[in-house]
Each structure stands twice: as C-alpha cells, then as structure tokens.
C-alpha cells in the first residue's frame, strides 16, 4: 500500500470515528481526531506526488495521534468494556500503525532509489 493511500485511509478513519465518538458521547474532545484527520486529508495529494516535507509533517502528526490514541484513549476504552469505544479507538490505532508503516517503507524505498541512481 502506498503512503498516500494509507494516509487517506487513516485520515478518513480519524474523521469518521471522531464524528461517531462525538455523536455517542457529546464530548467536544472527540473532535480532536477529526481536526488531525482533516489536516492529514489535506496533505494526501502532496504525499502522493512524493513531497518529502509534507510527508515528514504527516508522519509527525500521525505519530502524535497514534501515541495519544494508543496510550490514552485505547486503554480507557478497554477498561470501560464498551465495545463501541474499543472499536473506535482500535480502528484509529490500527490505521495509524498501517499509515506509519507505509510512510517508513516509502522513505526507505526513496532512499534506496537515491543511492542507486
């Protein structure tokens, strides 16, 4: 999977799950992943055309969101036993991990291409 597609999936998941989370809880903090998702969605086309600076910013944002969800939200969701909270937090965590792997793979491939030619 390309970094652009992984970023797109992650961004859409953050937006969708954040809106769902707000509808379920009426907590405005559920809009935090929506904001990050919107920023990442805006960056998608630049990532697809291999804009290195934008890709690096997207990696940092993805890592910030992943750490926040993976270490704060997901454990709370697991402790609550609420399957819908677990689904929302788990899907955002999973797509964040996939996006990070895709970014790292694309950076490694770009470095290999530069050293070859």
C-alpha atoms as a PDB file:
ATOM      1  CA  UNK A   1       0.000   0.000   0.000  1.00  0.00           C
ATOM      2  CA  UNK A   2       1.334   3.433  -0.899  1.00  0.00           C
ATOM      3  CA  UNK A   3       1.898   6.079   1.742  1.00  0.00           C
ATOM      4  CA  UNK A   4      -0.709   8.309   0.103  1.00  0.00           C
ATOM      5  CA  UNK A   5      -3.413   5.642   0.234  1.00  0.00           C
ATOM      6  CA  UNK A   6      -2.527   4.680   3.809  1.00  0.00           C
ATOM      7  CA  UNK A   7      -2.666   8.343   4.816  1.00  0.00           C
ATOM      8  CA  UNK A   8      -6.060   8.719   3.118  1.00  0.00           C
ATOM      9  CA  UNK A   9      -7.489   5.695   4.931  1.00  0.00           C
ATOM     10  CA  UNK A  10      -6.081   6.925   8.250  1.00  0.00           C
ATOM     11  CA  UNK A  11      -7.456  10.442   7.727  1.00  0.00           C
ATOM     12  CA  UNK A  12     -10.936   9.222   6.792  1.00  0.00           C
ATOM     13  CA  UNK A  13     -10.952   6.849   9.767  1.00  0.00           C
ATOM     14  CA  UNK A  14      -9.932   9.631  12.158  1.00  0.00           C
ATOM     15  CA  UNK A  15     -12.669  11.886  10.806  1.00  0.00           C
ATOM     16  CA  UNK A  16     -15.355   9.205  10.793  1.00  0.00           C
ATOM     17  CA  UNK A  17     -14.564   7.743  14.194  1.00  0.00           C
ATOM     18  CA  UNK A  18     -14.205  11.191  15.742  1.00  0.00           C
ATOM     19  CA  UNK A  19     -17.628  12.263  14.491  1.00  0.00           C
ATOM     20  CA  UNK A  20     -19.112   8.970  15.660  1.00  0.00           C
ATOM     21  CA  UNK A  21     -17.431   9.472  19.041  1.00  0.00           C
ATOM     22  CA  UNK A  22     -18.945  12.936  19.367  1.00  0.00           C
ATOM     23  CA  UNK A  23     -22.404  11.642  18.489  1.00  0.00           C
ATOM     24  CA  UNK A  24     -22.046   8.882  21.081  1.00  0.00           C
ATOM     25  CA  UNK A  25     -20.627  10.999  23.901  1.00  0.00           C
ATOM     26  CA  UNK A  26     -21.435  14.662  23.122  1.00  0.00           C
ATOM     27  CA  UNK A  27     -17.856  15.424  24.195  1.00  0.00           C
ATOM     28  CA  UNK A  28     -16.091  18.082  22.138  1.00  0.00           C
ATOM     29  CA  UNK A  29     -12.747  16.338  22.699  1.00  0.00           C
ATOM     30  CA  UNK A  30     -13.947  13.766  20.168  1.00  0.00           C
ATOM     31  CA  UNK A  31     -13.294  16.432  17.523  1.00  0.00           C
ATOM     32  CA  UNK A  32      -9.531  16.300  18.128  1.00  0.00           C
ATOM     33  CA  UNK A  33      -9.038  13.292  15.806  1.00  0.00           C
ATOM     34  CA  UNK A  34     -11.392  14.981  13.319  1.00  0.00           C
ATOM     35  CA  UNK A  35      -9.103  18.018  13.152  1.00  0.00           C
ATOM     36  CA  UNK A  36      -5.991  15.881  12.742  1.00  0.00           C
ATOM     37  CA  UNK A  37      -7.789  13.758  10.154  1.00  0.00           C
ATOM     38  CA  UNK A  38      -8.787  16.849   8.172  1.00  0.00           C
ATOM     39  CA  UNK A  39      -5.189  18.102   8.174  1.00  0.00           C
ATOM     40  CA  UNK A  40      -3.904  14.700   7.051  1.00  0.00           C
ATOM     41  CA  UNK A  41      -6.615  14.504   4.383  1.00  0.00           C
ATOM     42  CA  UNK A  42      -5.497  17.890   3.049  1.00  0.00           C
ATOM     43  CA  UNK A  43      -1.907  16.585   2.796  1.00  0.00           C
ATOM     44  CA  UNK A  44      -2.808  13.417   0.869  1.00  0.00           C
ATOM     45  CA  UNK A  45      -2.233  14.723  -2.669  1.00  0.00           C
ATOM     46  CA  UNK A  46       1.178  16.156  -1.755  1.00  0.00           C
ATOM     47  CA  UNK A  47       2.135  12.829  -0.213  1.00  0.00           C
ATOM     48  CA  UNK A  48       1.083  11.038  -3.407  1.00  0.00           C
ATOM     49  CA  UNK A  49       3.359  13.259  -5.514  1.00  0.00           C
ATOM     50  CA  UNK A  50       6.220  12.482  -3.103  1.00  0.00           C
ATOM     51  CA  UNK A  51       6.549  15.889  -1.459  1.00  0.00           C
ATOM     52  CA  UNK A  52       9.124  14.965   1.149  1.00  0.00           C
ATOM     53  CA  UNK A  53       8.482  17.879   3.510  1.00  0.00           C
ATOM     54  CA  UNK A  54       4.721  17.277   3.616  1.00  0.00           C
ATOM     55  CA  UNK A  55       5.263  13.549   4.104  1.00  0.00           C
ATOM     56  CA  UNK A  56       7.512  14.199   7.081  1.00  0.00           C
ATOM     57  CA  UNK A  57       4.960  16.549   8.662  1.00  0.00           C
ATOM     58  CA  UNK A  58       2.254  13.925   8.062  1.00  0.00           C
ATOM     59  CA  UNK A  59       4.401  11.291   9.780  1.00  0.00           C
ATOM     60  CA  UNK A  60       4.840  13.528  12.827  1.00  0.00           C
ATOM     61  CA  UNK A  61       1.099  14.269  13.010  1.00  0.00           C
ATOM     62  CA  UNK A  62       0.266  10.592  12.553  1.00  0.00           C
ATOM     63  CA  UNK A  63       2.698   9.640  15.306  1.00  0.00           C
ATOM     64  CA  UNK A  64       1.247  12.242  17.691  1.00  0.00           C
ATOM     65  CA  UNK A  65      -2.297  10.998  17.084  1.00  0.00           C
ATOM     66  CA  UNK A  66      -1.239   7.368  17.315  1.00  0.00           C
ATOM     67  CA  UNK A  67       0.522   7.897  20.641  1.00  0.00           C
ATOM     68  CA  UNK A  68      -2.418   9.853  22.063  1.00  0.00           C
ATOM     69  CA  UNK A  69      -4.983   7.284  20.993  1.00  0.00           C
ATOM     70  CA  UNK A  70      -2.844   4.223  21.640  1.00  0.00           C
ATOM     71  CA  UNK A  71      -1.688   5.220  25.114  1.00  0.00           C
ATOM     72  CA  UNK A  72      -4.608   7.298  26.413  1.00  0.00           C
ATOM     73  CA  UNK A  73      -7.847   6.530  24.605  1.00  0.00           C
ATOM     74  CA  UNK A  74      -7.481   2.824  23.791  1.00  0.00           C
ATOM     75  CA  UNK A  75      -6.577   1.748  27.362  1.00  0.00           C
ATOM     76  CA  UNK A  76      -9.556   3.705  28.728  1.00  0.00           C
ATOM     77  CA  UNK A  77     -11.827   2.126  26.128  1.00  0.00           C
ATOM     78  CA  UNK A  78     -10.554  -1.353  27.005  1.00  0.00           C
ATOM     79  CA  UNK A  79     -11.047  -0.694  30.708  1.00  0.00           C
ATOM     80  CA  UNK A  80     -14.599   0.537  30.153  1.00  0.00           C
ATOM     81  CA  UNK A  81     -15.596  -2.646  28.353  1.00  0.00           C
ATOM     82  CA  UNK A  82     -17.678  -0.598  25.886  1.00  0.00           C
ATOM     83  CA  UNK A  83     -17.327  -2.433  22.581  1.00  0.00           C
ATOM     84  CA  UNK A  84     -18.122   0.662  20.504  1.00  0.00           C
ATOM     85  CA  UNK A  85     -15.417   2.713  22.252  1.00  0.00           C
ATOM     86  CA  UNK A  86     -12.989  -0.153  21.702  1.00  0.00           C
ATOM     87  CA  UNK A  87     -13.963  -0.342  18.022  1.00  0.00           C
ATOM     88  CA  UNK A  88     -13.479   3.408  17.513  1.00  0.00           C
ATOM     89  CA  UNK A  89     -10.161   3.608  19.348  1.00  0.00           C
ATOM     90  CA  UNK A  90      -8.909   0.332  17.900  1.00  0.00           C
ATOM     91  CA  UNK A  91      -9.677   1.290  14.315  1.00  0.00           C
ATOM     92  CA  UNK A  92      -7.951   4.657  14.693  1.00  0.00           C
ATOM     93  CA  UNK A  93      -4.939   2.944  16.251  1.00  0.00           C
ATOM     94  CA  UNK A  94      -4.799   0.265  13.553  1.00  0.00           C
ATOM     95  CA  UNK A  95      -4.992   2.704  10.638  1.00  0.00           C
ATOM     96  CA  UNK A  96      -2.373   4.905  12.311  1.00  0.00           C
ATOM     97  CA  UNK A  97       0.025   1.976  12.594  1.00  0.00           C
ATOM     98  CA  UNK A  98      -0.611   0.997   8.968  1.00  0.00           C
ATOM     99  CA  UNK A  99       0.000   4.582   7.838  1.00  0.00           C
ATOM    100  CA  UNK A 100       3.260   4.796   9.801  1.00  0.00           C
ATOM    101  CA  UNK A 101       4.484   1.522   8.308  1.00  0.00           C
ATOM    102  CA  UNK A 102       3.607   2.747   4.812  1.00  0.00           C
ATOM    103  CA  UNK A 103       5.432   6.038   5.399  1.00  0.00           C
ATOM    104  CA  UNK A 104       8.544   4.305   6.710  1.00  0.00           C
ATOM    105  CA  UNK A 105       8.510   1.898   3.763  1.00  0.00           C
ATOM    106  CA  UNK A 106       8.193   4.792   1.308  1.00  0.00           C
ATOM    107  CA  UNK A 107      11.091   6.643   2.977  1.00  0.00           C
ATOM    108  CA  UNK A 108      13.270   3.523   2.775  1.00  0.00           C
ATOM    109  CA  UNK A 109      12.329   2.977  -0.885  1.00  0.00           C
ATOM    110  CA  UNK A 110      13.106   6.630  -1.724  1.00  0.00           C
ATOM    111  CA  UNK A 111      16.490   6.366  -0.023  1.00  0.00           C
ATOM    112  CA  UNK A 112      17.300   3.169  -1.954  1.00  0.00           C
ATOM    113  CA  UNK A 113      16.310   4.872  -5.217  1.00  0.00           C
ATOM    114  CA  UNK A 114      18.563   7.865  -4.465  1.00  0.00           C
ATOM    115  CA  UNK A 115      21.574   5.698  -3.668  1.00  0.00           C
ATOM    116  CA  UNK A 116      21.097   3.535  -6.785  1.00  0.00           C
ATOM    117  CA  UNK A 117      20.847   6.290  -9.317  1.00  0.00           C
END
